Amino acid sequence: MSTALKQVIENIESLSSGEKALVAHCLISSLEVKHDDSVDHAWGELAQQRFAELESGAVQGVS
């Protein structure tokens, strides 16, 4: 366990509710994963495929 983490854990009770919320926000924000362009590309290809199936009549849309 890092020294920084030990300090946070040891001092967590002395923080105000707002400070605890800020620490939580910072921790959660740091976990966010960068945007993956390959996922967008895959969804785009799937959408084009589904549209082509609708246009050709291979599948029927549902309202």
PDB file of N, CA and C in Angstrom:
ATOM      1  N   MET A   1       0.849  -1.169   0.000  1.00  0.00           N
ATOM      2  CA  MET A   1       0.000   0.000   0.000  1.00  0.00           C
ATOM      3  C   MET A   1       0.899   1.237   0.000  1.00  0.00           C
ATOM      4  N   SER A   2       0.566   2.192  -0.842  1.00  0.00           N
ATOM      5  CA  SER A   2       1.390   3.392  -0.950  1.00  0.00           C
ATOM      6  C   SER A   2       1.205   4.296   0.274  1.00  0.00           C
ATOM      7  N   THR A   3       2.173   5.146   0.486  1.00  0.00           N
ATOM      8  CA  THR A   3       2.112   6.106   1.591  1.00  0.00           C
ATOM      9  C   THR A   3       0.924   7.045   1.418  1.00  0.00           C
ATOM     10  N   ALA A   4       0.680   7.470   0.194  1.00  0.00           N
ATOM     11  CA  ALA A   4      -0.433   8.388  -0.078  1.00  0.00           C
ATOM     12  C   ALA A   4      -1.763   7.747   0.294  1.00  0.00           C
ATOM     13  N   LEU A   5      -1.938   6.478  -0.059  1.00  0.00           N
ATOM     14  CA  LEU A   5      -3.183   5.783   0.265  1.00  0.00           C
ATOM     15  C   LEU A   5      -3.325   5.614   1.767  1.00  0.00           C
ATOM     16  N   LYS A   6      -2.261   5.275   2.436  1.00  0.00           N
ATOM     17  CA  LYS A   6      -2.301   5.146   3.895  1.00  0.00           C
ATOM     18  C   LYS A   6      -2.729   6.448   4.542  1.00  0.00           C
ATOM     19  N   GLN A   7      -2.199   7.569   4.051  1.00  0.00           N
ATOM     20  CA  GLN A   7      -2.549   8.869   4.611  1.00  0.00           C
ATOM     21  C   GLN A   7      -4.029   9.171   4.416  1.00  0.00           C
ATOM     22  N   VAL A   8      -4.548   8.878   3.245  1.00  0.00           N
ATOM     23  CA  VAL A   8      -5.965   9.126   2.980  1.00  0.00           C
ATOM     24  C   VAL A   8      -6.829   8.286   3.914  1.00  0.00           C
ATOM     25  N   ILE A   9      -6.505   7.011   4.036  1.00  0.00           N
ATOM     26  CA  ILE A   9      -7.291   6.120   4.888  1.00  0.00           C
ATOM     27  C   ILE A   9      -7.226   6.561   6.350  1.00  0.00           C
ATOM     28  N   GLU A  10      -6.039   6.925   6.797  1.00  0.00           N
ATOM     29  CA  GLU A  10      -5.872   7.338   8.191  1.00  0.00           C
ATOM     30  C   GLU A  10      -6.603   8.644   8.492  1.00  0.00           C
ATOM     31  N   ASN A  11      -6.728   9.514   7.498  1.00  0.00           N
ATOM     32  CA  ASN A  11      -7.314  10.832   7.719  1.00  0.00           C
ATOM     33  C   ASN A  11      -8.744  10.977   7.198  1.00  0.00           C
ATOM     34  N   ILE A  12      -9.328   9.912   6.699  1.00  0.00           N
ATOM     35  CA  ILE A  12     -10.648  10.002   6.074  1.00  0.00           C
ATOM     36  C   ILE A  12     -11.711  10.528   7.036  1.00  0.00           C
ATOM     37  N   GLU A  13     -11.628  10.164   8.302  1.00  0.00           N
ATOM     38  CA  GLU A  13     -12.624  10.601   9.275  1.00  0.00           C
ATOM     39  C   GLU A  13     -12.549  12.099   9.557  1.00  0.00           C
ATOM     40  N   SER A  14     -11.398  12.699   9.334  1.00  0.00           N
ATOM     41  CA  SER A  14     -11.254  14.126   9.605  1.00  0.00           C
ATOM     42  C   SER A  14     -11.757  14.992   8.454  1.00  0.00           C
ATOM     43  N   LEU A  15     -12.099  14.378   7.337  1.00  0.00           N
ATOM     44  CA  LEU A  15     -12.590  15.131   6.185  1.00  0.00           C
ATOM     45  C   LEU A  15     -14.070  15.461   6.348  1.00  0.00           C
ATOM     46  N   SER A  16     -14.458  16.592   5.805  1.00  0.00           N
ATOM     47  CA  SER A  16     -15.881  16.949   5.798  1.00  0.00           C
ATOM     48  C   SER A  16     -16.594  16.100   4.743  1.00  0.00           C
ATOM     49  N   SER A  17     -17.912  16.145   4.769  1.00  0.00           N
ATOM     50  CA  SER A  17     -18.680  15.390   3.775  1.00  0.00           C
ATOM     51  C   SER A  17     -18.345  15.851   2.363  1.00  0.00           C
ATOM     52  N   GLY A  18     -18.193  17.150   2.187  1.00  0.00           N
ATOM     53  CA  GLY A  18     -17.854  17.683   0.869  1.00  0.00           C
ATOM     54  C   GLY A  18     -16.490  17.226   0.401  1.00  0.00           C
ATOM     55  N   GLU A  19     -15.530  17.182   1.328  1.00  0.00           N
ATOM     56  CA  GLU A  19     -14.188  16.721   0.972  1.00  0.00           C
ATOM     57  C   GLU A  19     -14.190  15.235   0.634  1.00  0.00           C
ATOM     58  N   LYS A  20     -14.974  14.465   1.380  1.00  0.00           N
ATOM     59  CA  LYS A  20     -15.090  13.032   1.075  1.00  0.00           C
ATOM     60  C   LYS A  20     -15.709  12.837  -0.305  1.00  0.00           C
ATOM     61  N   ALA A  21     -16.725  13.638  -0.619  1.00  0.00           N
ATOM     62  CA  ALA A  21     -17.366  13.549  -1.930  1.00  0.00           C
ATOM     63  C   ALA A  21     -16.378  13.903  -3.036  1.00  0.00           C
ATOM     64  N   LEU A  22     -15.549  14.895  -2.796  1.00  0.00           N
ATOM     65  CA  LEU A  22     -14.545  15.286  -3.790  1.00  0.00           C
ATOM     66  C   LEU A  22     -13.523  14.173  -3.995  1.00  0.00           C
ATOM     67  N   VAL A  23     -13.076  13.547  -2.916  1.00  0.00           N
ATOM     68  CA  VAL A  23     -12.137  12.425  -3.023  1.00  0.00           C
ATOM     69  C   VAL A  23     -12.780  11.291  -3.821  1.00  0.00           C
ATOM     70  N   ALA A  24     -14.048  10.976  -3.516  1.00  0.00           N
ATOM     71  CA  ALA A  24     -14.753   9.908  -4.230  1.00  0.00           C
ATOM     72  C   ALA A  24     -14.874  10.244  -5.715  1.00  0.00           C
ATOM     73  N   HIS A  25     -15.227  11.491  -6.003  1.00  0.00           N
ATOM     74  CA  HIS A  25     -15.359  11.922  -7.401  1.00  0.00           C
ATOM     75  C   HIS A  25     -14.030  11.776  -8.147  1.00  0.00           C
ATOM     76  N   CYS A  26     -12.971  12.216  -7.520  1.00  0.00           N
ATOM     77  CA  CYS A  26     -11.650  12.130  -8.153  1.00  0.00           C
ATOM     78  C   CYS A  26     -11.243  10.682  -8.404  1.00  0.00           C
ATOM     79  N   LEU A  27     -11.525   9.813  -7.444  1.00  0.00           N
ATOM     80  CA  LEU A  27     -11.186   8.396  -7.615  1.00  0.00           C
ATOM     81  C   LEU A  27     -11.984   7.774  -8.754  1.00  0.00           C
ATOM     82  N   ILE A  28     -13.283   8.039  -8.780  1.00  0.00           N
ATOM     83  CA  ILE A  28     -14.127   7.465  -9.827  1.00  0.00           C
ATOM     84  C   ILE A  28     -13.735   8.019 -11.192  1.00  0.00           C
ATOM     85  N   SER A  29     -13.472   9.316 -11.266  1.00  0.00           N
ATOM     86  CA  SER A  29     -13.079   9.927 -12.542  1.00  0.00           C
ATOM     87  C   SER A  29     -11.783   9.333 -13.071  1.00  0.00           C
ATOM     88  N   SER A  30     -10.892   8.985 -12.163  1.00  0.00           N
ATOM     89  CA  SER A  30      -9.607   8.434 -12.599  1.00  0.00           C
ATOM     90  C   SER A  30      -9.748   7.020 -13.153  1.00  0.00           C
ATOM     91  N   LEU A  31     -10.886   6.365 -12.901  1.00  0.00           N
ATOM     92  CA  LEU A  31     -11.108   5.012 -13.403  1.00  0.00           C
ATOM     93  C   LEU A  31     -11.678   4.993 -14.811  1.00  0.00           C
ATOM     94  N   GLU A  32     -12.178   6.122 -15.280  1.00  0.00           N
ATOM     95  CA  GLU A  32     -12.798   6.163 -16.587  1.00  0.00           C
ATOM     96  C   GLU A  32     -11.799   5.771 -17.662  1.00  0.00           C
ATOM     97  N   VAL A  33     -12.276   4.935 -18.575  1.00  0.00           N
ATOM     98  CA  VAL A  33     -11.439   4.424 -19.651  1.00  0.00           C
ATOM     99  C   VAL A  33     -11.529   5.370 -20.839  1.00  0.00           C
ATOM    100  N   LYS A  34     -10.444   5.520 -21.538  1.00  0.00           N
ATOM    101  CA  LYS A  34     -10.449   6.367 -22.727  1.00  0.00           C
ATOM    102  C   LYS A  34     -11.362   5.768 -23.780  1.00  0.00           C
ATOM    103  N   HIS A  35     -11.885   6.636 -24.627  1.00  0.00           N
ATOM    104  CA  HIS A  35     -12.798   6.249 -25.691  1.00  0.00           C
ATOM    105  C   HIS A  35     -12.104   5.305 -26.668  1.00  0.00           C
ATOM    106  N   ASP A  36     -12.765   4.226 -27.027  1.00  0.00           N
ATOM    107  CA  ASP A  36     -12.212   3.229 -27.941  1.00  0.00           C
ATOM    108  C   ASP A  36     -12.875   3.376 -29.303  1.00  0.00           C
ATOM    109  N   ASP A  37     -12.137   3.912 -30.268  1.00  0.00           N
ATOM    110  CA  ASP A  37     -12.683   4.134 -31.605  1.00  0.00           C
ATOM    111  C   ASP A  37     -13.065   2.843 -32.307  1.00  0.00           C
ATOM    112  N   SER A  38     -12.431   1.733 -31.969  1.00  0.00           N
ATOM    113  CA  SER A  38     -12.757   0.472 -32.636  1.00  0.00           C
ATOM    114  C   SER A  38     -14.171   0.017 -32.288  1.00  0.00           C
ATOM    115  N   VAL A  39     -14.649   0.372 -31.099  1.00  0.00           N
ATOM    116  CA  VAL A  39     -16.020   0.026 -30.717  1.00  0.00           C
ATOM    117  C   VAL A  39     -17.000   0.810 -31.574  1.00  0.00           C
ATOM    118  N   ASP A  40     -16.755   2.109 -31.747  1.00  0.00           N
ATOM    119  CA  ASP A  40     -17.619   2.921 -32.598  1.00  0.00           C
ATOM    120  C   ASP A  40     -17.635   2.384 -34.024  1.00  0.00           C
ATOM    121  N   HIS A  41     -16.479   1.982 -34.502  1.00  0.00           N
ATOM    122  CA  HIS A  41     -16.389   1.438 -35.865  1.00  0.00           C
ATOM    123  C   HIS A  41     -17.222   0.163 -35.981  1.00  0.00           C
ATOM    124  N   ALA A  42     -17.121  -0.718 -35.010  1.00  0.00           N
ATOM    125  CA  ALA A  42     -17.874  -1.976 -35.033  1.00  0.00           C
ATOM    126  C   ALA A  42     -19.373  -1.718 -35.003  1.00  0.00           C
ATOM    127  N   TRP A  43     -19.805  -0.753 -34.157  1.00  0.00           N
ATOM    128  CA  TRP A  43     -21.230  -0.431 -34.106  1.00  0.00           C
ATOM    129  C   TRP A  43     -21.690   0.168 -35.427  1.00  0.00           C
ATOM    130  N   GLY A  44     -20.867   0.980 -36.043  1.00  0.00           N
ATOM    131  CA  GLY A  44     -21.205   1.569 -37.336  1.00  0.00           C
ATOM    132  C   GLY A  44     -21.394   0.506 -38.409  1.00  0.00           C
ATOM    133  N   GLU A  45     -20.503  -0.459 -38.426  1.00  0.00           N
ATOM    134  CA  GLU A  45     -20.615  -1.554 -39.397  1.00  0.00           C
ATOM    135  C   GLU A  45     -21.888  -2.359 -39.165  1.00  0.00           C
ATOM    136  N   LEU A  46     -22.195  -2.629 -37.904  1.00  0.00           N
ATOM    137  CA  LEU A  46     -23.407  -3.386 -37.584  1.00  0.00           C
ATOM    138  C   LEU A  46     -24.652  -2.611 -38.010  1.00  0.00           C
ATOM    139  N   ALA A  47     -24.659  -1.318 -37.766  1.00  0.00           N
ATOM    140  CA  ALA A  47     -25.798  -0.489 -38.163  1.00  0.00           C
ATOM    141  C   ALA A  47     -25.987  -0.504 -39.678  1.00  0.00           C
ATOM    142  N   GLN A  48     -24.898  -0.411 -40.419  1.00  0.00           N
ATOM    143  CA  GLN A  48     -24.984  -0.449 -41.886  1.00  0.00           C
ATOM    144  C   GLN A  48     -25.511  -1.791 -42.362  1.00  0.00           C
ATOM    145  N   GLN A  49     -25.047  -2.869 -41.721  1.00  0.00           N
ATOM    146  CA  GLN A  49     -25.504  -4.211 -42.078  1.00  0.00           C
ATOM    147  C   GLN A  49     -27.004  -4.351 -41.813  1.00  0.00           C
ATOM    148  N   ARG A  50     -27.452  -3.892 -40.654  1.00  0.00           N
ATOM    149  CA  ARG A  50     -28.873  -3.994 -40.311  1.00  0.00           C
ATOM    150  C   ARG A  50     -29.728  -3.156 -41.262  1.00  0.00           C
ATOM    151  N   PHE A  51     -29.236  -1.968 -41.618  1.00  0.00           N
ATOM    152  CA  PHE A  51     -29.974  -1.113 -42.545  1.00  0.00           C
ATOM    153  C   PHE A  51     -30.092  -1.788 -43.906  1.00  0.00           C
ATOM    154  N   ALA A  52     -29.006  -2.394 -44.376  1.00  0.00           N
ATOM    155  CA  ALA A  52     -29.029  -3.094 -45.661  1.00  0.00           C
ATOM    156  C   ALA A  52     -30.028  -4.245 -45.629  1.00  0.00           C
ATOM    157  N   GLU A  53     -30.099  -4.953 -44.500  1.00  0.00           N
ATOM    158  CA  GLU A  53     -31.066  -6.047 -44.366  1.00  0.00           C
ATOM    159  C   GLU A  53     -32.500  -5.521 -44.444  1.00  0.00           C
ATOM    160  N   LEU A  54     -32.754  -4.375 -43.826  1.00  0.00           N
ATOM    161  CA  LEU A  54     -34.091  -3.777 -43.896  1.00  0.00           C
ATOM    162  C   LEU A  54     -34.416  -3.335 -45.324  1.00  0.00           C
ATOM    163  N   GLU A  55     -33.464  -2.679 -45.959  1.00  0.00           N
ATOM    164  CA  GLU A  55     -33.672  -2.181 -47.318  1.00  0.00           C
ATOM    165  C   GLU A  55     -33.906  -3.309 -48.320  1.00  0.00           C
ATOM    166  N   SER A  56     -33.222  -4.418 -48.141  1.00  0.00           N
ATOM    167  CA  SER A  56     -33.352  -5.541 -49.082  1.00  0.00           C
ATOM    168  C   SER A  56     -34.597  -6.373 -48.819  1.00  0.00           C
ATOM    169  N   GLY A  57     -35.210  -6.177 -47.665  1.00  0.00           N
ATOM    170  CA  GLY A  57     -36.377  -6.971 -47.307  1.00  0.00           C
ATOM    171  C   GLY A  57     -36.020  -8.283 -46.642  1.00  0.00           C
ATOM    172  N   ALA A  58     -34.764  -8.516 -46.359  1.00  0.00           N
ATOM    173  CA  ALA A  58     -34.338  -9.751 -45.706  1.00  0.00           C
ATOM    174  C   ALA A  58     -34.933  -9.874 -44.303  1.00  0.00           C
ATOM    175  N   VAL A  59     -35.188  -8.730 -43.699  1.00  0.00           N
ATOM    176  CA  VAL A  59     -35.816  -8.704 -42.367  1.00  0.00           C
ATOM    177  C   VAL A  59     -36.920  -7.667 -42.382  1.00  0.00           C
ATOM    178  N   GLN A  60     -37.856  -7.814 -41.493  1.00  0.00           N
ATOM    179  CA  GLN A  60     -38.970  -6.872 -41.365  1.00  0.00           C
ATOM    180  C   GLN A  60     -38.782  -6.047 -40.086  1.00  0.00           C
ATOM    181  N   GLY A  61     -39.017  -4.750 -40.191  1.00  0.00           N
ATOM    182  CA  GLY A  61     -38.934  -3.882 -39.026  1.00  0.00           C
ATOM    183  C   GLY A  61     -40.138  -4.070 -38.119  1.00  0.00           C
ATOM    184  N   VAL A  62     -39.975  -3.729 -36.867  1.00  0.00           N
ATOM    185  CA  VAL A  62     -41.046  -3.815 -35.884  1.00  0.00           C
ATOM    186  C   VAL A  62     -41.318  -2.416 -35.370  1.00  0.00           C
ATOM    187  N   SER A  63     -42.588  -2.025 -35.379  1.00  0.00           N
ATOM    188  CA  SER A  63     -42.914  -0.682 -34.901  1.00  0.00           C
ATOM    189  C   SER A  63     -43.017  -0.647 -33.380  1.00  0.00           C
TER     190      SER A  63
END
